[in-house]
PDB file of all heavy atoms in Angstrom:
ATOM      1  N   TYR A   1      90.326  94.795 111.401  1.00  0.00           N
ATOM      2  CA  TYR A   1      90.156  93.680 112.329  1.00  0.00           C
ATOM      3  C   TYR A   1      88.821  92.892 112.152  1.00  0.00           C
ATOM      4  O   TYR A   1      88.779  91.726 112.285  1.00  0.00           O
ATOM      5  CB  TYR A   1      90.230  94.245 113.791  1.00  0.00           C
ATOM      6  CG  TYR A   1      91.634  94.648 114.190  1.00  0.00           C
ATOM      7  CD1 TYR A   1      91.867  95.961 114.505  1.00  0.00           C
ATOM      8  CD2 TYR A   1      92.728  93.755 114.107  1.00  0.00           C
ATOM      9  CE1 TYR A   1      93.172  96.411 114.801  1.00  0.00           C
ATOM     10  CE2 TYR A   1      93.921  94.173 114.416  1.00  0.00           C
ATOM     11  CZ  TYR A   1      94.179  95.535 114.800  1.00  0.00           C
ATOM     12  OH  TYR A   1      95.526  95.897 115.027  1.00  0.00           O
ATOM     13  N   SER A   2      87.773  93.672 111.780  1.00  0.00           N
ATOM     14  CA  SER A   2      86.506  92.992 111.508  1.00  0.00           C
ATOM     15  C   SER A   2      86.666  92.037 110.348  1.00  0.00           C
ATOM     16  O   SER A   2      86.236  90.811 110.428  1.00  0.00           O
ATOM     17  CB  SER A   2      85.453  93.997 111.205  1.00  0.00           C
ATOM     18  OG  SER A   2      84.263  93.391 110.755  1.00  0.00           O
ATOM     19  N   GLY A   3      87.377  92.454 109.302  1.00  0.00           N
ATOM     20  CA  GLY A   3      87.609  91.558 108.188  1.00  0.00           C
ATOM     21  C   GLY A   3      88.448  90.437 108.503  1.00  0.00           C
ATOM     22  O   GLY A   3      88.231  89.274 108.126  1.00  0.00           O
ATOM     23  N   PHE A   4      89.517  90.682 109.277  1.00  0.00           N
ATOM     24  CA  PHE A   4      90.438  89.594 109.644  1.00  0.00           C
ATOM     25  C   PHE A   4      89.699  88.482 110.493  1.00  0.00           C
ATOM     26  O   PHE A   4      89.758  87.308 110.142  1.00  0.00           O
ATOM     27  CB  PHE A   4      91.573  90.077 110.437  1.00  0.00           C
ATOM     28  CG  PHE A   4      92.471  88.899 110.946  1.00  0.00           C
ATOM     29  CD1 PHE A   4      93.455  88.416 110.150  1.00  0.00           C
ATOM     30  CD2 PHE A   4      92.314  88.379 112.252  1.00  0.00           C
ATOM     31  CE1 PHE A   4      94.163  87.343 110.556  1.00  0.00           C
ATOM     32  CE2 PHE A   4      93.109  87.338 112.694  1.00  0.00           C
ATOM     33  CZ  PHE A   4      94.037  86.839 111.810  1.00  0.00           C
ATOM     34  N   PHE A   5      89.059  88.902 111.499  1.00  0.00           N
ATOM     35  CA  PHE A   5      88.360  87.888 112.399  1.00  0.00           C
ATOM     36  C   PHE A   5      87.182  87.270 111.713  1.00  0.00           C
ATOM     37  O   PHE A   5      86.894  86.071 111.920  1.00  0.00           O
ATOM     38  CB  PHE A   5      87.906  88.587 113.690  1.00  0.00           C
ATOM     39  CG  PHE A   5      89.073  88.936 114.606  1.00  0.00           C
ATOM     40  CD1 PHE A   5      89.299  90.262 114.934  1.00  0.00           C
ATOM     41  CD2 PHE A   5      89.902  87.971 115.135  1.00  0.00           C
ATOM     42  CE1 PHE A   5      90.393  90.617 115.705  1.00  0.00           C
ATOM     43  CE2 PHE A   5      90.936  88.284 115.926  1.00  0.00           C
ATOM     44  CZ  PHE A   5      91.224  89.626 116.245  1.00  0.00           C
ATOM     45  N   SER A   6      86.506  87.969 110.806  1.00  0.00           N
ATOM     46  CA  SER A   6      85.339  87.353 110.130  1.00  0.00           C
ATOM     47  C   SER A   6      85.795  86.384 109.005  1.00  0.00           C
ATOM     48  O   SER A   6      85.102  85.384 108.809  1.00  0.00           O
ATOM     49  CB  SER A   6      84.485  88.424 109.516  1.00  0.00           C
ATOM     50  OG  SER A   6      83.895  89.312 110.526  1.00  0.00           O
ATOM     51  N   LYS A   7      86.896  86.708 108.356  1.00  0.00           N
ATOM     52  CA  LYS A   7      87.273  85.834 107.214  1.00  0.00           C
ATOM     53  C   LYS A   7      88.476  84.946 107.423  1.00  0.00           C
ATOM     54  O   LYS A   7      88.546  83.872 106.802  1.00  0.00           O
ATOM     55  CB  LYS A   7      87.547  86.813 105.998  1.00  0.00           C
ATOM     56  CG  LYS A   7      86.356  87.728 105.529  1.00  0.00           C
ATOM     57  CD  LYS A   7      85.186  86.843 105.125  1.00  0.00           C
ATOM     58  CE  LYS A   7      84.056  87.767 104.716  1.00  0.00           C
ATOM     59  NZ  LYS A   7      82.749  87.154 104.767  1.00  0.00           N
ATOM     60  N   ARG A   8      89.450  85.378 108.171  1.00  0.00           N
ATOM     61  CA  ARG A   8      90.736  84.640 108.276  1.00  0.00           C
ATOM     62  C   ARG A   8      90.832  83.768 109.557  1.00  0.00           C
ATOM     63  O   ARG A   8      91.376  82.697 109.518  1.00  0.00           O
ATOM     64  CB  ARG A   8      91.864  85.570 108.277  1.00  0.00           C
ATOM     65  CG  ARG A   8      92.025  86.250 106.952  1.00  0.00           C
ATOM     66  CD  ARG A   8      92.618  85.362 105.871  1.00  0.00           C
ATOM     67  NE  ARG A   8      92.660  85.934 104.635  1.00  0.00           N
ATOM     68  CZ  ARG A   8      92.292  85.343 103.516  1.00  0.00           C
ATOM     69  NH1 ARG A   8      91.967  84.152 103.510  1.00  0.00           N
ATOM     70  NH2 ARG A   8      92.408  85.949 102.404  1.00  0.00           N
ATOM     71  N   ALA A   9      90.259  84.229 110.680  1.00  0.00           N
ATOM     72  CA  ALA A   9      90.449  83.551 111.937  1.00  0.00           C
ATOM     73  C   ALA A   9      89.428  82.309 111.900  1.00  0.00           C
ATOM     74  O   ALA A   9      88.364  82.434 111.392  1.00  0.00           O
ATOM     75  CB  ALA A   9      90.069  84.451 113.120  1.00  0.00           C
ATOM     76  N   VAL A  10      89.904  81.191 112.431  1.00  0.00           N
ATOM     77  CA  VAL A  10      89.058  79.994 112.359  1.00  0.00           C
ATOM     78  C   VAL A  10      88.661  79.489 113.768  1.00  0.00           C
ATOM     79  O   VAL A  10      87.697  78.679 113.900  1.00  0.00           O
ATOM     80  CB  VAL A  10      89.739  78.841 111.611  1.00  0.00           C
ATOM     81  CG1 VAL A  10      89.965  79.182 110.108  1.00  0.00           C
ATOM     82  CG2 VAL A  10      91.061  78.506 112.209  1.00  0.00           C
ATOM     83  N   GLN A  11      89.320  79.865 114.789  1.00  0.00           N
ATOM     84  CA  GLN A  11      89.121  79.451 116.152  1.00  0.00           C
ATOM     85  C   GLN A  11      89.061  80.669 117.078  1.00  0.00           C
ATOM     86  O   GLN A  11      89.906  81.484 116.981  1.00  0.00           O
ATOM     87  CB  GLN A  11      90.152  78.448 116.601  1.00  0.00           C
ATOM     88  CG  GLN A  11      89.779  77.564 117.711  1.00  0.00           C
ATOM     89  CD  GLN A  11      88.627  76.631 117.308  1.00  0.00           C
ATOM     90  OE1 GLN A  11      88.592  76.021 116.314  1.00  0.00           O
ATOM     91  NE2 GLN A  11      87.671  76.506 118.281  1.00  0.00           N
ATOM     92  N   PHE A  12      88.076  80.676 117.980  1.00  0.00           N
ATOM     93  CA  PHE A  12      87.993  81.823 118.937  1.00  0.00           C
ATOM     94  C   PHE A  12      87.909  81.309 120.385  1.00  0.00           C
ATOM     95  O   PHE A  12      87.537  80.240 120.606  1.00  0.00           O
ATOM     96  CB  PHE A  12      86.682  82.599 118.636  1.00  0.00           C
ATOM     97  CG  PHE A  12      86.551  83.071 117.152  1.00  0.00           C
ATOM     98  CD1 PHE A  12      85.820  82.320 116.336  1.00  0.00           C
ATOM     99  CD2 PHE A  12      87.319  84.041 116.719  1.00  0.00           C
ATOM    100  CE1 PHE A  12      85.682  82.630 114.995  1.00  0.00           C
ATOM    101  CE2 PHE A  12      87.198  84.491 115.363  1.00  0.00           C
ATOM    102  CZ  PHE A  12      86.427  83.733 114.585  1.00  0.00           C
ATOM    103  N   ASP A  13      88.265  82.295 121.249  1.00  0.00           N
ATOM    104  CA  ASP A  13      88.124  82.032 122.665  1.00  0.00           C
ATOM    105  C   ASP A  13      87.308  83.213 123.206  1.00  0.00           C
ATOM    106  O   ASP A  13      87.866  84.261 123.645  1.00  0.00           O
ATOM    107  CB  ASP A  13      89.462  81.919 123.389  1.00  0.00           C
ATOM    108  CG  ASP A  13      89.350  81.550 124.916  1.00  0.00           C
ATOM    109  OD1 ASP A  13      88.302  81.766 125.457  1.00  0.00           O
ATOM    110  OD2 ASP A  13      90.321  81.086 125.402  1.00  0.00           O
ATOM    111  N   HIS A  14      86.004  83.205 123.079  1.00  0.00           N
ATOM    112  CA  HIS A  14      85.120  84.259 123.361  1.00  0.00           C
ATOM    113  C   HIS A  14      85.409  84.932 124.739  1.00  0.00           C
ATOM    114  O   HIS A  14      85.565  86.081 124.828  1.00  0.00           O
ATOM    115  CB  HIS A  14      83.629  83.817 123.285  1.00  0.00           C
ATOM    116  CG  HIS A  14      82.604  84.877 123.625  1.00  0.00           C
ATOM    117  ND1 HIS A  14      82.235  85.177 124.908  1.00  0.00           N
ATOM    118  CD2 HIS A  14      81.956  85.705 122.805  1.00  0.00           C
ATOM    119  CE1 HIS A  14      81.447  86.175 124.848  1.00  0.00           C
ATOM    120  NE2 HIS A  14      81.225  86.499 123.579  1.00  0.00           N
ATOM    121  N   ASP A  15      85.402  84.077 125.840  1.00  0.00           N
ATOM    122  CA  ASP A  15      85.519  84.702 127.093  1.00  0.00           C
ATOM    123  C   ASP A  15      86.839  85.403 127.315  1.00  0.00           C
ATOM    124  O   ASP A  15      86.888  86.497 127.914  1.00  0.00           O
ATOM    125  CB  ASP A  15      85.414  83.563 128.159  1.00  0.00           C
ATOM    126  CG  ASP A  15      84.065  82.867 128.165  1.00  0.00           C
ATOM    127  OD1 ASP A  15      83.151  83.456 127.654  1.00  0.00           O
ATOM    128  OD2 ASP A  15      83.993  81.727 128.644  1.00  0.00           O
ATOM    129  N   THR A  16      87.919  84.879 126.770  1.00  0.00           N
ATOM    130  CA  THR A  16      89.233  85.492 126.833  1.00  0.00           C
ATOM    131  C   THR A  16      89.253  86.786 126.072  1.00  0.00           C
ATOM    132  O   THR A  16      89.704  87.837 126.550  1.00  0.00           O
ATOM    133  CB  THR A  16      90.384  84.589 126.402  1.00  0.00           C
ATOM    134  OG1 THR A  16      90.318  83.348 127.195  1.00  0.00           O
ATOM    135  CG2 THR A  16      91.726  85.258 126.522  1.00  0.00           C
ATOM    136  N   MET A  17      88.742  86.788 124.867  1.00  0.00           N
ATOM    137  CA  MET A  17      88.813  87.941 123.983  1.00  0.00           C
ATOM    138  C   MET A  17      88.000  89.102 124.612  1.00  0.00           C
ATOM    139  O   MET A  17      88.381  90.217 124.525  1.00  0.00           O
ATOM    140  CB  MET A  17      88.348  87.595 122.580  1.00  0.00           C
ATOM    141  CG  MET A  17      89.358  86.649 121.859  1.00  0.00           C
ATOM    142  SD  MET A  17      88.647  85.931 120.285  1.00  0.00           S
ATOM    143  CE  MET A  17      88.698  87.274 119.237  1.00  0.00           C
ATOM    144  N   VAL A  18      86.803  88.789 125.143  1.00  0.00           N
ATOM    145  CA  VAL A  18      85.989  89.801 125.745  1.00  0.00           C
ATOM    146  C   VAL A  18      86.550  90.342 127.062  1.00  0.00           C
ATOM    147  O   VAL A  18      86.349  91.504 127.358  1.00  0.00           O
ATOM    148  CB  VAL A  18      84.558  89.247 125.966  1.00  0.00           C
ATOM    149  CG1 VAL A  18      83.704  90.140 126.824  1.00  0.00           C
ATOM    150  CG2 VAL A  18      83.862  88.923 124.617  1.00  0.00           C
ATOM    151  N   SER A  19      87.421  89.554 127.667  1.00  0.00           N
ATOM    152  CA  SER A  19      87.986  89.999 128.978  1.00  0.00           C
ATOM    153  C   SER A  19      89.040  91.088 128.790  1.00  0.00           C
ATOM    154  O   SER A  19      89.489  91.678 129.848  1.00  0.00           O
ATOM    155  CB  SER A  19      88.549  88.818 129.770  1.00  0.00           C
ATOM    156  OG  SER A  19      87.429  87.967 130.114  1.00  0.00           O
ATOM    157  N   GLY A  20      89.612  91.266 127.557  1.00  0.00           N
ATOM    158  CA  GLY A  20      90.556  92.285 127.353  1.00  0.00           C
ATOM    159  C   GLY A  20      92.057  91.901 127.294  1.00  0.00           C
ATOM    160  O   GLY A  20      92.356  90.671 127.245  1.00  0.00           O
ATOM    161  N   TYR A  21      92.881  92.896 127.263  1.00  0.00           N
ATOM    162  CA  TYR A  21      94.263  92.745 126.996  1.00  0.00           C
ATOM    163  C   TYR A  21      94.980  91.789 127.884  1.00  0.00           C
ATOM    164  O   TYR A  21      95.698  90.823 127.416  1.00  0.00           O
ATOM    165  CB  TYR A  21      95.013  94.109 126.963  1.00  0.00           C
ATOM    166  CG  TYR A  21      96.480  94.044 126.755  1.00  0.00           C
ATOM    167  CD1 TYR A  21      96.952  93.938 125.465  1.00  0.00           C
ATOM    168  CD2 TYR A  21      97.365  94.035 127.820  1.00  0.00           C
ATOM    169  CE1 TYR A  21      98.345  93.927 125.236  1.00  0.00           C
ATOM    170  CE2 TYR A  21      98.726  94.002 127.595  1.00  0.00           C
ATOM    171  CZ  TYR A  21      99.246  93.852 126.310  1.00  0.00           C
ATOM    172  OH  TYR A  21     100.565  93.823 126.028  1.00  0.00           O
ATOM    173  N   ASN A  22      94.805  92.029 129.207  1.00  0.00           N
ATOM    174  CA  ASN A  22      95.577  91.159 130.215  1.00  0.00           C
ATOM    175  C   ASN A  22      95.137  89.680 130.066  1.00  0.00           C
ATOM    176  O   ASN A  22      95.923  88.788 130.194  1.00  0.00           O
ATOM    177  CB  ASN A  22      95.313  91.667 131.560  1.00  0.00           C
ATOM    178  CG  ASN A  22      96.078  92.928 131.830  1.00  0.00           C
ATOM    179  OD1 ASN A  22      97.171  93.168 131.258  1.00  0.00           O
ATOM    180  ND2 ASN A  22      95.568  93.780 132.719  1.00  0.00           N
ATOM    181  N   ALA A  23      93.755  89.444 129.936  1.00  0.00           N
ATOM    182  CA  ALA A  23      93.372  88.084 129.826  1.00  0.00           C
ATOM    183  C   ALA A  23      93.897  87.344 128.478  1.00  0.00           C
ATOM    184  O   ALA A  23      94.304  86.212 128.504  1.00  0.00           O
ATOM    185  CB  ALA A  23      91.807  88.048 129.775  1.00  0.00           C
ATOM    186  N   ILE A  24      93.922  88.138 127.466  1.00  0.00           N
ATOM    187  CA  ILE A  24      94.448  87.576 126.206  1.00  0.00           C
ATOM    188  C   ILE A  24      95.980  87.320 126.335  1.00  0.00           C
ATOM    189  O   ILE A  24      96.416  86.180 125.926  1.00  0.00           O
ATOM    190  CB  ILE A  24      94.219  88.578 125.025  1.00  0.00           C
ATOM    191  CG1 ILE A  24      92.731  88.781 124.744  1.00  0.00           C
ATOM    192  CG2 ILE A  24      94.905  88.101 123.759  1.00  0.00           C
ATOM    193  CD1 ILE A  24      92.377  89.888 123.814  1.00  0.00           C
ATOM    194  N   ARG A  25      96.703  88.178 126.903  1.00  0.00           N
ATOM    195  CA  ARG A  25      98.096  88.002 127.130  1.00  0.00           C
ATOM    196  C   ARG A  25      98.362  86.757 128.068  1.00  0.00           C
ATOM    197  O   ARG A  25      99.219  85.945 127.703  1.00  0.00           O
ATOM    198  CB  ARG A  25      98.791  89.248 127.763  1.00  0.00           C
ATOM    199  CG  ARG A  25     100.254  89.176 127.763  1.00  0.00           C
ATOM    200  CD  ARG A  25     100.879  90.256 128.689  1.00  0.00           C
ATOM    201  NE  ARG A  25     100.608  89.946 130.049  1.00  0.00           N
ATOM    202  CZ  ARG A  25     100.184  90.831 130.885  1.00  0.00           C
ATOM    203  NH1 ARG A  25      99.925  92.096 130.564  1.00  0.00           N
ATOM    204  NH2 ARG A  25      99.912  90.518 132.150  1.00  0.00           N
ATOM    205  N   ASN A  26      97.622  86.680 129.102  1.00  0.00           N
ATOM    206  CA  ASN A  26      97.827  85.476 130.012  1.00  0.00           C
ATOM    207  C   ASN A  26      97.386  84.174 129.306  1.00  0.00           C
ATOM    208  O   ASN A  26      98.145  83.159 129.536  1.00  0.00           O
ATOM    209  CB  ASN A  26      96.938  85.714 131.268  1.00  0.00           C
ATOM    210  CG  ASN A  26      97.473  86.847 132.148  1.00  0.00           C
ATOM    211  OD1 ASN A  26      98.595  87.278 132.034  1.00  0.00           O
ATOM    212  ND2 ASN A  26      96.612  87.378 133.005  1.00  0.00           N
ATOM    213  N   LYS A  27      96.435  84.233 128.531  1.00  0.00           N
ATOM    214  CA  LYS A  27      96.103  82.978 127.819  1.00  0.00           C
ATOM    215  C   LYS A  27      97.184  82.594 126.803  1.00  0.00           C
ATOM    216  O   LYS A  27      97.492  81.455 126.685  1.00  0.00           O
ATOM    217  CB  LYS A  27      94.741  83.193 127.056  1.00  0.00           C
ATOM    218  CG  LYS A  27      94.279  81.991 126.271  1.00  0.00           C
ATOM    219  CD  LYS A  27      93.773  80.853 127.188  1.00  0.00           C
ATOM    220  CE  LYS A  27      93.210  79.781 126.349  1.00  0.00           C
ATOM    221  NZ  LYS A  27      92.238  78.907 127.095  1.00  0.00           N
ATOM    222  N   LEU A  28      97.689  83.533 126.097  1.00  0.00           N
ATOM    223  CA  LEU A  28      98.837  83.342 125.174  1.00  0.00           C
ATOM    224  C   LEU A  28     100.006  82.704 125.939  1.00  0.00           C
ATOM    225  O   LEU A  28     100.653  81.802 125.434  1.00  0.00           O
ATOM    226  CB  LEU A  28      99.195  84.565 124.363  1.00  0.00           C
ATOM    227  CG  LEU A  28      98.326  84.905 123.236  1.00  0.00           C
ATOM    228  CD1 LEU A  28      98.687  86.286 122.653  1.00  0.00           C
ATOM    229  CD2 LEU A  28      98.560  83.909 122.094  1.00  0.00           C
ATOM    230  N   ILE A  29     100.333  83.302 127.078  1.00  0.00           N
ATOM    231  CA  ILE A  29     101.508  82.823 127.822  1.00  0.00           C
ATOM    232  C   ILE A  29     101.249  81.313 128.255  1.00  0.00           C
ATOM    233  O   ILE A  29     102.121  80.522 128.182  1.00  0.00           O
ATOM    234  CB  ILE A  29     101.718  83.761 129.074  1.00  0.00           C
ATOM    235  CG1 ILE A  29     102.289  85.083 128.568  1.00  0.00           C
ATOM    236  CG2 ILE A  29     102.720  83.084 129.999  1.00  0.00           C
ATOM    237  CD1 ILE A  29     102.332  86.145 129.660  1.00  0.00           C
ATOM    238  N   SER A  30     100.033  81.094 128.703  1.00  0.00           N
ATOM    239  CA  SER A  30      99.737  79.663 129.128  1.00  0.00           C
ATOM    240  C   SER A  30      99.783  78.689 127.942  1.00  0.00           C
ATOM    241  O   SER A  30     100.276  77.593 128.114  1.00  0.00           O
ATOM    242  CB  SER A  30      98.434  79.595 129.844  1.00  0.00           C
ATOM    243  OG  SER A  30      97.358  79.768 128.965  1.00  0.00           O
ATOM    244  N   LEU A  31      99.341  79.129 126.804  1.00  0.00           N
ATOM    245  CA  LEU A  31      99.431  78.294 125.591  1.00  0.00           C
ATOM    246  C   LEU A  31     100.877  78.066 125.116  1.00  0.00           C
ATOM    247  O   LEU A  31     101.297  77.011 124.766  1.00  0.00           O
ATOM    248  CB  LEU A  31      98.566  78.860 124.442  1.00  0.00           C
ATOM    249  CG  LEU A  31      97.007  78.756 124.600  1.00  0.00           C
ATOM    250  CD1 LEU A  31      96.359  79.590 123.538  1.00  0.00           C
ATOM    251  CD2 LEU A  31      96.674  77.289 124.538  1.00  0.00           C
ATOM    252  N   LEU A  32     101.662  79.165 125.267  1.00  0.00           N
ATOM    253  CA  LEU A  32     103.044  79.004 124.810  1.00  0.00           C
ATOM    254  C   LEU A  32     103.877  78.189 125.820  1.00  0.00           C
ATOM    255  O   LEU A  32     104.773  77.469 125.421  1.00  0.00           O
ATOM    256  CB  LEU A  32     103.754  80.421 124.856  1.00  0.00           C
ATOM    257  CG  LEU A  32     103.323  81.307 123.682  1.00  0.00           C
ATOM    258  CD1 LEU A  32     103.826  82.726 123.906  1.00  0.00           C
ATOM    259  CD2 LEU A  32     103.869  80.788 122.365  1.00  0.00           C
ATOM    260  N   ASN A  33     103.425  78.072 127.075  1.00  0.00           N
ATOM    261  CA  ASN A  33     104.172  77.259 128.033  1.00  0.00           C
ATOM    262  C   ASN A  33     103.624  75.793 128.041  1.00  0.00           C
ATOM    263  O   ASN A  33     104.215  74.933 128.694  1.00  0.00           O
ATOM    264  CB  ASN A  33     104.031  77.837 129.456  1.00  0.00           C
ATOM    265  CG  ASN A  33     104.775  79.081 129.613  1.00  0.00           C
ATOM    266  OD1 ASN A  33     105.785  79.278 128.883  1.00  0.00           O
ATOM    267  ND2 ASN A  33     104.362  79.989 130.442  1.00  0.00           N
ATOM    268  N   SER A  34     102.532  75.558 127.268  1.00  0.00           N
ATOM    269  CA  SER A  34     101.986  74.227 127.217  1.00  0.00           C
ATOM    270  C   SER A  34     102.858  73.327 126.415  1.00  0.00           C
ATOM    271  O   SER A  34     103.536  73.733 125.382  1.00  0.00           O
ATOM    272  CB  SER A  34     100.594  74.266 126.558  1.00  0.00           C
ATOM    273  OG  SER A  34     100.046  73.075 126.407  1.00  0.00           O
ATOM    274  N   THR A  35     102.989  72.086 126.773  1.00  0.00           N
ATOM    275  CA  THR A  35     103.806  71.091 126.086  1.00  0.00           C
ATOM    276  C   THR A  35     103.129  70.325 125.001  1.00  0.00           C
ATOM    277  O   THR A  35     103.811  69.847 124.101  1.00  0.00           O
ATOM    278  CB  THR A  35     104.482  70.118 127.093  1.00  0.00           C
ATOM    279  OG1 THR A  35     103.385  69.487 127.771  1.00  0.00           O
ATOM    280  CG2 THR A  35     105.362  70.795 128.077  1.00  0.00           C
ATOM    281  N   ASP A  36     101.836  70.246 125.037  1.00  0.00           N
ATOM    282  CA  ASP A  36     101.124  69.490 124.036  1.00  0.00           C
ATOM    283  C   ASP A  36     100.005  70.261 123.436  1.00  0.00           C
ATOM    284  O   ASP A  36      98.835  70.138 123.822  1.00  0.00           O
ATOM    285  CB  ASP A  36     100.638  68.171 124.669  1.00  0.00           C
ATOM    286  CG  ASP A  36      99.687  68.337 125.781  1.00  0.00           C
ATOM    287  OD1 ASP A  36      99.785  69.358 126.507  1.00  0.00           O
ATOM    288  OD2 ASP A  36      98.817  67.501 126.058  1.00  0.00           O
ATOM    289  N   LEU A  37     100.361  71.095 122.483  1.00  0.00           N
ATOM    290  CA  LEU A  37      99.369  71.992 121.835  1.00  0.00           C
ATOM    291  C   LEU A  37      98.709  71.204 120.725  1.00  0.00           C
ATOM    292  O   LEU A  37      99.272  70.412 119.957  1.00  0.00           O
ATOM    293  CB  LEU A  37     100.014  73.120 121.167  1.00  0.00           C
ATOM    294  CG  LEU A  37     100.516  74.309 122.066  1.00  0.00           C
ATOM    295  CD1 LEU A  37     101.186  75.365 121.239  1.00  0.00           C
ATOM    296  CD2 LEU A  37      99.318  74.824 122.869  1.00  0.00           C
ATOM    297  N   LYS A  38      97.381  71.258 120.717  1.00  0.00           N
ATOM    298  CA  LYS A  38      96.627  70.675 119.578  1.00  0.00           C
ATOM    299  C   LYS A  38      96.430  71.635 118.525  1.00  0.00           C
ATOM    300  O   LYS A  38      96.750  72.815 118.613  1.00  0.00           O
ATOM    301  CB  LYS A  38      95.216  70.232 120.175  1.00  0.00           C
ATOM    302  CG  LYS A  38      95.260  69.260 121.302  1.00  0.00           C
ATOM    303  CD  LYS A  38      93.920  69.019 121.932  1.00  0.00           C
ATOM    304  CE  LYS A  38      93.988  68.019 123.060  1.00  0.00           C
ATOM    305  NZ  LYS A  38      94.862  68.315 124.140  1.00  0.00           N
ATOM    306  N   ASN A  39      95.942  71.214 117.362  1.00  0.00           N
ATOM    307  CA  ASN A  39      95.698  72.123 116.149  1.00  0.00           C
ATOM    308  C   ASN A  39      94.745  73.298 116.580  1.00  0.00           C
ATOM    309  O   ASN A  39      94.940  74.356 116.120  1.00  0.00           O
ATOM    310  CB  ASN A  39      95.122  71.306 114.988  1.00  0.00           C
ATOM    311  CG  ASN A  39      96.208  70.478 114.336  1.00  0.00           C
ATOM    312  OD1 ASN A  39      97.395  70.709 114.490  1.00  0.00           O
ATOM    313  ND2 ASN A  39      95.759  69.492 113.517  1.00  0.00           N
ATOM    314  N   LYS A  40      93.715  72.902 117.380  1.00  0.00           N
ATOM    315  CA  LYS A  40      92.743  73.918 117.770  1.00  0.00           C
ATOM    316  C   LYS A  40      93.488  75.048 118.633  1.00  0.00           C
ATOM    317  O   LYS A  40      93.218  76.200 118.441  1.00  0.00           O
ATOM    318  CB  LYS A  40      91.700  73.280 118.616  1.00  0.00           C
ATOM    319  CG  LYS A  40      90.698  74.206 119.155  1.00  0.00           C
ATOM    320  CD  LYS A  40      89.633  73.484 120.005  1.00  0.00           C
ATOM    321  CE  LYS A  40      88.675  74.467 120.578  1.00  0.00           C
ATOM    322  NZ  LYS A  40      87.607  73.767 121.388  1.00  0.00           N
ATOM    323  N   ASP A  41      94.427  74.583 119.470  1.00  0.00           N
ATOM    324  CA  ASP A  41      95.134  75.582 120.298  1.00  0.00           C
ATOM    325  C   ASP A  41      96.033  76.477 119.461  1.00  0.00           C
ATOM    326  O   ASP A  41      96.172  77.674 119.724  1.00  0.00           O
ATOM    327  CB  ASP A  41      96.004  74.840 121.344  1.00  0.00           C
ATOM    328  CG  ASP A  41      95.253  74.092 122.345  1.00  0.00           C
ATOM    329  OD1 ASP A  41      94.083  74.541 122.682  1.00  0.00           O
ATOM    330  OD2 ASP A  41      95.692  73.077 122.861  1.00  0.00           O
ATOM    331  N   GLU A  42      96.691  75.902 118.415  1.00  0.00           N
ATOM    332  CA  GLU A  42      97.500  76.726 117.546  1.00  0.00           C
ATOM    333  C   GLU A  42      96.680  77.720 116.801  1.00  0.00           C
ATOM    334  O   GLU A  42      97.119  78.822 116.535  1.00  0.00           O
ATOM    335  CB  GLU A  42      98.288  75.806 116.586  1.00  0.00           C
ATOM    336  CG  GLU A  42      99.351  74.984 117.313  1.00  0.00           C
ATOM    337  CD  GLU A  42     100.040  73.968 116.433  1.00  0.00           C
ATOM    338  OE1 GLU A  42      99.822  73.973 115.203  1.00  0.00           O
ATOM    339  OE2 GLU A  42     100.803  73.182 116.998  1.00  0.00           O
TER     340      GLU A  42
END
């Protein structure tokens, strides 16, 4: 995971990631339900 996030991931959501599993899941659900995703969101 250290290698993946350091080398492959390009965009982060610090507050959500630090908040744990439920926050990450909820953020993903809200992004999936969004109608106009930007490249950054993807």
